[in-house]
């Protein structure tokens, strides 16, 4: 039965989609069966990031409305994981209850289901969070992003979701030393979320986010996602600050 994670933040630009795709790739490369589900209606960035933007004909909104079967809305990505694309807009049938029922119907077909949530704390946030067993809050180590992360944690708690972990993204060791970014302890305190991983600033991931091309070579940021994927698999992966420099 699949473990279901939602990637949330409350703020756009924190790196939810990048984190979801990179962690999906790392989990899949270890032999797991992985499904990515895009909940960012209207933007549908996961299609570009996953390399299937020309191959998507149906989305999960079509499944909920009865326009297609679930299997018809799933596309295999070049990196090996599957993708269920987001609709252009959320219809009346797109409720947390209906979405959760659809996702739970796929639990026996995958080892991991990763749901990429939208920015904000509105309807899309509630849909993504409601279907997940665990929430991964993505935040940069700055006041604005951490405040949004804390607000997302409170909104998730109101939905009954208490298993929440923090991924600190865009971490720059020199910026922290020069007091230009929050340090790790302050980031944890301000977000109110227990840490699961830190991803340093990495130009390879910036190119991926801007051009939608999966990095082919390993780099400091990609290795950070590999360590987070290991922790999600239940492995004991220590946090070493030297890995972030």
Protein backbone atom coordinates (compact mmCIF):
# COMPACT_ATOMS: atom_id res chain seq x y z
CA UNK A 1 0.00 0.00 0.00
CA UNK A 2 1.35 3.39 -1.01
CA UNK A 3 2.65 6.06 1.30
CA UNK A 4 0.96 9.32 0.30
CA UNK A 5 2.81 12.64 0.69
CA UNK A 6 1.61 16.15 -0.16
CA UNK A 7 4.13 18.90 -0.95
CA UNK A 8 2.83 22.20 0.44
CA UNK A 9 4.09 25.60 1.54
CA UNK A 10 1.39 28.27 1.47
CA UNK A 11 3.66 30.40 -0.76
CA UNK A 12 4.53 30.25 -4.43
CA UNK A 13 8.16 29.86 -5.48
CA UNK A 14 9.25 27.81 -2.48
CA UNK A 15 10.11 24.84 -4.67
CA UNK A 16 7.20 22.42 -4.19
CA UNK A 17 7.11 21.16 -7.77
CA UNK A 18 10.88 20.82 -8.05
CA UNK A 19 10.97 18.94 -4.74
CA UNK A 20 8.14 16.62 -5.76
CA UNK A 21 9.71 15.72 -9.12
CA UNK A 22 13.25 15.28 -7.80
CA UNK A 23 12.18 13.15 -4.85
CA UNK A 24 9.91 11.11 -7.14
CA UNK A 25 12.89 10.47 -9.42
CA UNK A 26 15.07 9.39 -6.50
CA UNK A 27 12.40 7.06 -5.11
CA UNK A 28 11.75 5.57 -8.54
CA UNK A 29 15.46 5.03 -9.18
CA UNK A 30 15.61 2.81 -6.08
CA UNK A 31 13.01 0.49 -7.60
CA UNK A 32 9.82 1.95 -6.10
CA UNK A 33 6.65 2.52 -8.12
CA UNK A 34 5.87 6.23 -7.88
CA UNK A 35 2.89 8.34 -8.94
CA UNK A 36 3.09 12.14 -9.15
CA UNK A 37 -0.23 14.00 -8.89
CA UNK A 38 -0.43 17.68 -9.85
CA UNK A 39 -2.92 19.71 -7.80
CA UNK A 40 -1.90 23.11 -9.18
CA UNK A 41 -4.92 23.65 -11.43
CA UNK A 42 -4.37 26.00 -14.35
CA UNK A 43 -0.57 25.94 -14.24
CA UNK A 44 0.16 22.23 -14.67
CA UNK A 45 3.91 22.69 -14.28
CA UNK A 46 4.54 19.02 -13.48
CA UNK A 47 3.76 18.11 -17.08
CA UNK A 48 6.70 20.25 -18.23
CA UNK A 49 9.01 19.21 -15.40
CA UNK A 50 8.27 15.53 -16.05
CA UNK A 51 8.69 15.75 -19.83
CA UNK A 52 5.15 14.74 -20.83
CA UNK A 53 3.57 18.09 -21.72
CA UNK A 54 2.84 16.90 -25.27
CA UNK A 55 1.37 13.56 -24.17
CA UNK A 56 -1.33 14.56 -21.68
CA UNK A 57 -4.90 14.11 -22.92
CA UNK A 58 -6.80 13.61 -19.68
CA UNK A 59 -6.37 14.86 -16.12
CA UNK A 60 -7.74 13.89 -12.73
CA UNK A 61 -10.60 16.36 -13.13
CA UNK A 62 -11.79 14.19 -16.02
CA UNK A 63 -11.68 11.15 -13.74
CA UNK A 64 -13.82 12.85 -11.09
CA UNK A 65 -16.34 14.10 -13.66
CA UNK A 66 -16.63 10.68 -15.29
CA UNK A 67 -14.98 11.83 -18.52
CA UNK A 68 -12.39 9.03 -18.48
CA UNK A 69 -11.17 6.05 -16.48
CA UNK A 70 -8.43 6.57 -13.92
CA UNK A 71 -5.88 4.64 -15.99
CA UNK A 72 -6.52 6.98 -18.96
CA UNK A 73 -5.37 10.00 -16.90
CA UNK A 74 -1.99 8.46 -15.97
CA UNK A 75 1.08 8.99 -18.14
CA UNK A 76 4.51 7.36 -17.84
CA UNK A 77 7.33 9.93 -17.58
CA UNK A 78 10.75 9.52 -19.24
CA UNK A 79 12.38 9.16 -15.80
CA UNK A 80 10.12 6.18 -15.03
CA UNK A 81 7.54 7.52 -12.61
CA UNK A 82 3.87 8.06 -13.52
CA UNK A 83 2.05 11.39 -13.64
CA UNK A 84 -1.58 12.38 -13.20
CA UNK A 85 -1.97 15.91 -14.54
CA UNK A 86 -3.96 18.78 -13.06
CA UNK A 87 -7.14 20.17 -14.64
CA UNK A 88 -7.23 23.65 -16.12
CA UNK A 89 -9.70 24.65 -13.40
CA UNK A 90 -11.34 23.01 -10.40
CA UNK A 91 -14.88 21.91 -11.25
CA UNK A 92 -17.71 21.27 -8.81
CA UNK A 93 -16.75 17.60 -8.67
CA UNK A 94 -13.26 18.48 -7.37
CA UNK A 95 -13.88 18.12 -3.64
CA UNK A 96 -11.46 16.85 -0.99
CA UNK A 97 -13.71 13.82 -0.48
CA UNK A 98 -13.86 12.83 -4.14
CA UNK A 99 -10.16 13.47 -4.71
CA UNK A 100 -9.21 11.44 -1.64
CA UNK A 101 -11.40 8.54 -2.77
CA UNK A 102 -9.69 8.57 -6.18
CA UNK A 103 -6.18 8.66 -4.67
CA UNK A 104 -6.96 5.87 -2.20
CA UNK A 105 -8.18 3.78 -5.11
CA UNK A 106 -4.59 3.84 -6.43
CA UNK A 107 -2.88 2.88 -3.16
CA UNK A 108 -2.35 -0.76 -4.13
CA UNK A 109 -0.76 0.15 -7.47
CA UNK A 110 2.12 2.24 -6.12
CA UNK A 111 4.69 2.39 -3.34
CA UNK A 112 4.56 6.20 -3.16
CA UNK A 113 2.03 8.79 -4.27
CA UNK A 114 3.41 12.36 -4.25
CA UNK A 115 0.87 15.19 -4.50
CA UNK A 116 2.13 18.61 -5.58
CA UNK A 117 -0.07 21.24 -3.95
CA UNK A 118 -0.72 24.78 -5.21
CA UNK A 119 0.36 28.06 -3.65
CA UNK A 120 -2.00 29.52 -1.08
CA UNK A 121 -4.28 27.95 1.50
CA UNK A 122 -7.48 27.72 -0.52
CA UNK A 123 -9.44 24.93 -2.12
CA UNK A 124 -6.50 23.34 -3.92
CA UNK A 125 -4.52 23.23 -0.67
CA UNK A 126 -7.39 21.48 1.09
CA UNK A 127 -7.77 18.96 -1.73
CA UNK A 128 -4.06 18.08 -1.75
CA UNK A 129 -3.68 17.93 2.03
CA UNK A 130 -6.84 15.90 2.62
CA UNK A 131 -5.69 12.96 0.51
CA UNK A 132 -2.20 12.69 2.07
CA UNK A 133 -0.99 10.66 5.01
CA UNK A 134 1.98 12.97 5.59
CA UNK A 135 2.71 16.55 4.59
CA UNK A 136 6.06 17.93 3.45
CA UNK A 137 6.25 21.69 3.97
CA UNK A 138 8.70 23.41 1.63
CA UNK A 139 10.19 26.73 2.73
CA UNK A 140 13.13 28.98 1.99
CA UNK A 141 15.00 30.16 5.14
CA UNK A 142 13.52 33.66 5.13
CA UNK A 143 10.79 35.35 7.16
CA UNK A 144 8.16 35.54 4.41
CA UNK A 145 8.46 31.91 3.36
CA UNK A 146 8.66 30.63 6.92
CA UNK A 147 5.59 32.65 7.94
CA UNK A 148 3.66 31.13 5.03
CA UNK A 149 4.90 27.69 6.06
CA UNK A 150 3.68 28.22 9.62
CA UNK A 151 0.28 29.32 8.28
CA UNK A 152 0.13 26.21 6.10
CA UNK A 153 0.94 24.03 9.10
CA UNK A 154 -1.93 25.58 11.06
CA UNK A 155 -4.31 25.14 8.11
CA UNK A 156 -3.26 21.50 7.79
CA UNK A 157 -3.77 20.92 11.50
CA UNK A 158 -7.31 22.29 11.16
CA UNK A 159 -7.88 19.54 8.58
CA UNK A 160 -6.71 16.94 11.06
CA UNK A 161 -3.28 16.51 9.48
CA UNK A 162 -0.56 16.32 12.11
CA UNK A 163 2.25 14.34 10.43
CA UNK A 164 4.19 17.25 8.97
CA UNK A 165 7.87 17.62 8.09
CA UNK A 166 9.94 20.59 6.88
CA UNK A 167 12.22 20.77 3.85
CA UNK A 168 14.37 23.91 3.93
CA UNK A 169 15.00 24.86 0.30
CA UNK A 170 17.34 27.43 -1.33
CA UNK A 171 19.73 27.14 1.63
CA UNK A 172 22.97 29.11 1.29
CA UNK A 173 25.60 28.39 3.91
CA UNK A 174 27.45 31.69 3.39
CA UNK A 175 24.20 33.67 3.57
CA UNK A 176 23.41 32.10 6.93
CA UNK A 177 26.93 32.88 8.21
CA UNK A 178 26.42 36.52 7.14
CA UNK A 179 22.95 36.66 8.75
CA UNK A 180 21.27 37.05 5.34
CA UNK A 181 19.21 33.90 5.82
CA UNK A 182 17.73 32.24 8.89
CA UNK A 183 19.78 29.47 10.39
CA UNK A 184 18.41 25.94 10.68
CA UNK A 185 17.20 26.24 14.28
CA UNK A 186 15.43 29.55 13.61
CA UNK A 187 13.80 28.09 10.49
CA UNK A 188 12.44 25.18 12.49
CA UNK A 189 11.21 27.46 15.27
CA UNK A 190 9.49 29.95 12.93
CA UNK A 191 7.79 27.28 10.84
CA UNK A 192 6.83 25.13 13.80
CA UNK A 193 7.60 22.03 11.73
CA UNK A 194 10.04 19.22 12.43
CA UNK A 195 12.92 19.05 9.93
CA UNK A 196 13.39 16.21 7.42
CA UNK A 197 15.93 17.75 5.06
CA UNK A 198 17.81 20.75 3.69
CA UNK A 199 18.38 21.50 0.00
CA UNK A 200 21.19 23.98 -0.77
CA UNK A 201 20.96 26.53 -3.57
CA UNK A 202 22.00 24.76 -6.76
CA UNK A 203 22.19 26.26 -10.27
CA UNK A 204 21.37 22.86 -11.76
CA UNK A 205 18.01 22.94 -10.00
CA UNK A 206 17.48 26.55 -11.08
CA UNK A 207 17.91 25.52 -14.72
CA UNK A 208 15.48 22.67 -14.13
CA UNK A 209 12.91 25.01 -12.61
CA UNK A 210 13.22 27.57 -15.40
CA UNK A 211 13.51 25.23 -18.38
CA UNK A 212 11.77 22.07 -17.25
CA UNK A 213 14.72 19.82 -18.07
CA UNK A 214 15.63 17.07 -15.62
CA UNK A 215 19.31 17.39 -14.61
CA UNK A 216 21.44 14.58 -16.04
CA UNK A 217 24.41 14.94 -13.69
CA UNK A 218 24.56 14.72 -9.92
CA UNK A 219 25.07 17.94 -7.97
CA UNK A 220 24.84 19.21 -4.40
CA UNK A 221 21.10 19.88 -4.58
CA UNK A 222 20.28 16.59 -6.27
CA UNK A 223 22.27 14.70 -3.64
CA UNK A 224 20.26 16.55 -0.97
CA UNK A 225 17.01 15.29 -2.51
CA UNK A 226 18.49 11.79 -2.60
CA UNK A 227 19.11 11.98 1.16
CA UNK A 228 15.53 13.16 1.78
CA UNK A 229 14.21 10.31 -0.36
CA UNK A 230 16.23 7.93 1.77
CA UNK A 231 14.62 9.29 4.93
CA UNK A 232 11.17 8.89 3.37
CA UNK A 233 12.06 5.25 2.73
CA UNK A 234 12.77 4.90 6.44
CA UNK A 235 16.55 4.86 6.17
CA UNK A 236 18.77 6.47 8.81
CA UNK A 237 20.43 9.30 6.89
CA UNK A 238 22.31 11.74 9.14
CA UNK A 239 22.27 15.50 8.58
CA UNK A 240 25.80 16.67 7.85
CA UNK A 241 26.31 20.41 7.39
CA UNK A 242 29.37 19.73 5.22
CA UNK A 243 27.00 18.29 2.60
CA UNK A 244 25.40 21.74 2.27
CA UNK A 245 28.52 23.75 1.45
